[in-house]
N, C-alpha and C. Protein backbone atom coordinates (compact mmCIF):
# COMPACT_ATOMS: atom_id res chain seq x y z
N MET A 1 -20.47 -99.76 30.00
CA MET A 1 -20.57 -98.38 29.59
C MET A 1 -19.49 -98.11 28.55
N VAL A 2 -19.85 -97.36 27.53
CA VAL A 2 -18.95 -97.05 26.42
C VAL A 2 -18.78 -95.54 26.35
N GLN A 3 -17.54 -95.08 26.15
CA GLN A 3 -17.30 -93.65 25.96
C GLN A 3 -17.53 -93.30 24.49
N VAL A 4 -18.30 -92.23 24.27
CA VAL A 4 -18.63 -91.79 22.92
C VAL A 4 -18.39 -90.29 22.84
N LEU A 5 -17.69 -89.84 21.78
CA LEU A 5 -17.56 -88.41 21.50
C LEU A 5 -18.67 -88.06 20.53
N LYS A 6 -19.52 -87.14 20.92
CA LYS A 6 -20.70 -86.78 20.12
C LYS A 6 -20.49 -85.39 19.54
N GLN A 7 -20.64 -85.25 18.22
CA GLN A 7 -20.51 -83.96 17.54
C GLN A 7 -21.77 -83.74 16.72
N GLU A 8 -22.32 -82.52 16.79
CA GLU A 8 -23.54 -82.21 16.05
C GLU A 8 -23.37 -80.92 15.24
N PRO A 9 -22.57 -80.95 14.18
CA PRO A 9 -22.43 -79.75 13.35
C PRO A 9 -23.67 -79.55 12.49
N ASP A 10 -24.00 -78.30 12.19
CA ASP A 10 -25.08 -78.01 11.26
C ASP A 10 -24.55 -78.11 9.84
N LYS A 11 -25.40 -78.51 8.91
CA LYS A 11 -25.02 -78.61 7.51
C LYS A 11 -26.07 -77.89 6.69
N LEU A 12 -25.63 -77.04 5.76
CA LEU A 12 -26.54 -76.29 4.91
C LEU A 12 -26.85 -77.11 3.66
N TYR A 13 -28.14 -77.34 3.43
CA TYR A 13 -28.59 -78.08 2.25
C TYR A 13 -29.31 -77.13 1.32
N GLU A 14 -29.16 -77.34 0.01
CA GLU A 14 -29.87 -76.54 -0.97
C GLU A 14 -30.77 -77.46 -1.78
N ILE A 15 -32.04 -77.06 -1.90
CA ILE A 15 -32.99 -77.79 -2.72
C ILE A 15 -33.66 -76.76 -3.62
N GLY A 16 -33.37 -76.84 -4.90
CA GLY A 16 -33.91 -75.86 -5.84
C GLY A 16 -33.46 -74.47 -5.45
N GLU A 17 -34.41 -73.57 -5.25
CA GLU A 17 -34.12 -72.18 -4.87
C GLU A 17 -33.97 -72.01 -3.36
N GLY A 18 -34.36 -73.01 -2.60
CA GLY A 18 -34.36 -72.86 -1.14
C GLY A 18 -33.16 -73.50 -0.47
N GLN A 19 -32.95 -73.10 0.76
CA GLN A 19 -31.89 -73.67 1.58
C GLN A 19 -32.46 -74.01 2.95
N PHE A 20 -31.92 -75.04 3.57
CA PHE A 20 -32.29 -75.33 4.95
C PHE A 20 -31.10 -75.92 5.67
N VAL A 21 -31.11 -75.79 6.98
CA VAL A 21 -30.03 -76.32 7.80
C VAL A 21 -30.49 -77.67 8.35
N GLY A 22 -29.70 -78.69 8.10
CA GLY A 22 -30.01 -80.02 8.60
C GLY A 22 -29.08 -80.38 9.74
N GLU A 23 -29.57 -81.20 10.62
CA GLU A 23 -28.76 -81.64 11.75
C GLU A 23 -28.07 -82.95 11.39
N MET A 24 -26.79 -83.01 11.67
CA MET A 24 -26.01 -84.23 11.48
C MET A 24 -25.46 -84.62 12.84
N LEU A 25 -25.27 -85.89 13.03
CA LEU A 25 -24.69 -86.36 14.29
C LEU A 25 -23.55 -87.31 13.95
N PHE A 26 -22.37 -87.01 14.46
CA PHE A 26 -21.23 -87.90 14.30
C PHE A 26 -20.85 -88.44 15.67
N LEU A 27 -20.66 -89.73 15.74
CA LEU A 27 -20.21 -90.37 16.97
C LEU A 27 -18.83 -90.95 16.71
N GLU A 28 -17.93 -90.79 17.67
CA GLU A 28 -16.61 -91.40 17.59
C GLU A 28 -16.49 -92.37 18.75
N VAL A 29 -16.19 -93.63 18.41
CA VAL A 29 -16.16 -94.70 19.40
C VAL A 29 -14.92 -95.56 19.17
N SER A 30 -14.25 -95.94 20.24
CA SER A 30 -13.07 -96.80 20.14
C SER A 30 -13.44 -98.17 19.59
N ILE A 31 -12.55 -98.74 18.77
CA ILE A 31 -12.79 -100.09 18.24
C ILE A 31 -12.74 -101.13 19.35
N PHE A 32 -12.17 -100.77 20.50
CA PHE A 32 -12.11 -101.70 21.62
C PHE A 32 -13.45 -101.76 22.36
N ASP A 33 -14.27 -100.72 22.20
CA ASP A 33 -15.59 -100.69 22.83
C ASP A 33 -16.66 -101.32 21.94
N ILE A 34 -16.56 -101.09 20.65
CA ILE A 34 -17.52 -101.65 19.69
C ILE A 34 -16.71 -102.24 18.54
N LEU A 35 -16.74 -103.55 18.40
CA LEU A 35 -15.90 -104.22 17.41
C LEU A 35 -16.37 -104.00 15.98
N ARG A 36 -17.68 -104.06 15.73
CA ARG A 36 -18.18 -104.00 14.36
C ARG A 36 -19.56 -103.34 14.31
N PRO A 37 -19.62 -101.99 14.37
CA PRO A 37 -20.93 -101.34 14.26
C PRO A 37 -21.46 -101.47 12.83
N ILE A 38 -22.77 -101.60 12.70
CA ILE A 38 -23.37 -101.75 11.37
C ILE A 38 -24.56 -100.80 11.23
N VAL A 39 -24.93 -100.55 9.97
CA VAL A 39 -26.10 -99.73 9.68
C VAL A 39 -27.31 -100.36 10.37
N GLY A 40 -28.07 -99.52 11.06
CA GLY A 40 -29.25 -100.01 11.78
C GLY A 40 -29.03 -100.13 13.28
N ASP A 41 -27.77 -100.22 13.72
CA ASP A 41 -27.50 -100.26 15.17
C ASP A 41 -27.99 -98.96 15.81
N ILE A 42 -28.39 -99.04 17.07
CA ILE A 42 -28.91 -97.87 17.78
C ILE A 42 -28.07 -97.60 19.02
N PHE A 43 -27.67 -96.33 19.19
CA PHE A 43 -26.98 -95.86 20.39
C PHE A 43 -28.00 -95.14 21.26
N VAL A 44 -27.94 -95.37 22.56
CA VAL A 44 -28.79 -94.65 23.51
C VAL A 44 -27.86 -93.76 24.34
N ILE A 45 -28.08 -92.45 24.24
CA ILE A 45 -27.28 -91.48 24.99
C ILE A 45 -28.26 -90.64 25.79
N GLY A 46 -28.24 -90.84 27.09
CA GLY A 46 -29.23 -90.18 27.95
C GLY A 46 -30.62 -90.67 27.59
N ASP A 47 -31.51 -89.73 27.27
CA ASP A 47 -32.88 -90.08 26.89
C ASP A 47 -33.05 -90.17 25.38
N CYS A 48 -31.98 -89.97 24.61
CA CYS A 48 -32.08 -89.92 23.14
C CYS A 48 -31.55 -91.21 22.51
N LYS A 49 -32.16 -91.59 21.40
CA LYS A 49 -31.71 -92.75 20.63
C LYS A 49 -31.25 -92.29 19.26
N TYR A 50 -30.13 -92.86 18.80
CA TYR A 50 -29.55 -92.51 17.51
C TYR A 50 -29.29 -93.77 16.71
N LYS A 51 -29.71 -93.76 15.45
CA LYS A 51 -29.57 -94.93 14.59
C LYS A 51 -28.50 -94.67 13.53
N ILE A 52 -27.60 -95.64 13.36
CA ILE A 52 -26.55 -95.54 12.34
C ILE A 52 -27.21 -95.65 10.98
N HIS A 53 -26.94 -94.67 10.08
CA HIS A 53 -27.58 -94.73 8.77
C HIS A 53 -26.60 -94.77 7.60
N THR A 54 -25.31 -94.70 7.85
CA THR A 54 -24.31 -94.92 6.80
C THR A 54 -23.26 -95.88 7.35
N PRO A 55 -22.59 -96.62 6.50
CA PRO A 55 -21.57 -97.56 6.99
C PRO A 55 -20.49 -96.84 7.79
N PRO A 56 -20.20 -97.27 9.02
CA PRO A 56 -19.16 -96.65 9.84
C PRO A 56 -17.78 -96.82 9.19
N LEU A 57 -16.94 -95.81 9.37
CA LEU A 57 -15.57 -95.83 8.85
C LEU A 57 -14.60 -95.64 10.01
N ARG A 58 -13.40 -96.20 9.86
CA ARG A 58 -12.36 -95.98 10.87
C ARG A 58 -11.57 -94.73 10.52
N ASP A 59 -11.01 -94.09 11.55
CA ASP A 59 -10.16 -92.93 11.31
C ASP A 59 -8.80 -93.38 10.79
N LYS A 60 -7.88 -92.43 10.56
CA LYS A 60 -6.56 -92.76 9.99
C LYS A 60 -5.76 -93.71 10.86
N SER A 61 -5.95 -93.62 12.17
CA SER A 61 -5.20 -94.50 13.07
C SER A 61 -5.76 -95.92 13.08
N GLY A 62 -7.01 -96.07 12.61
CA GLY A 62 -7.66 -97.38 12.63
C GLY A 62 -8.19 -97.77 14.00
N MET A 63 -8.13 -96.84 14.95
CA MET A 63 -8.52 -97.14 16.33
C MET A 63 -9.88 -96.57 16.73
N ILE A 64 -10.43 -95.70 15.91
CA ILE A 64 -11.68 -95.02 16.24
C ILE A 64 -12.68 -95.21 15.09
N TRP A 65 -13.90 -95.61 15.44
CA TRP A 65 -14.99 -95.64 14.47
C TRP A 65 -15.58 -94.24 14.37
N ARG A 66 -15.78 -93.76 13.16
CA ARG A 66 -16.49 -92.50 12.92
C ARG A 66 -17.85 -92.89 12.35
N ILE A 67 -18.88 -92.59 13.11
CA ILE A 67 -20.22 -93.08 12.81
C ILE A 67 -21.17 -91.91 12.57
N GLU A 68 -21.87 -91.94 11.44
CA GLU A 68 -22.89 -90.92 11.17
C GLU A 68 -24.24 -91.51 11.54
N ALA A 69 -24.99 -90.77 12.35
CA ALA A 69 -26.26 -91.28 12.85
C ALA A 69 -27.31 -90.17 12.85
N SER A 70 -28.55 -90.56 13.07
CA SER A 70 -29.64 -89.59 13.19
C SER A 70 -30.56 -90.02 14.32
N GLY A 71 -31.27 -89.05 14.87
CA GLY A 71 -32.18 -89.34 15.97
C GLY A 71 -33.37 -90.16 15.53
N VAL A 72 -33.82 -91.05 16.41
CA VAL A 72 -35.01 -91.86 16.13
C VAL A 72 -36.04 -91.67 17.23
């Protein structure tokens, strides 16, 4: 079992004259739990699956992966 901090802030997108709110999902995971996450990896949290869609980055301490994902 891996501990994951899950954040789902809304983001406002503008396309032409219109605007819409998109859902973003950020996962924070210790480097000791996941050594090398890559684009395409899938996290299962409860009944939901989330796929990494941008290269994961470490935080300033280098101890936490900050992962952007979307539901699949």
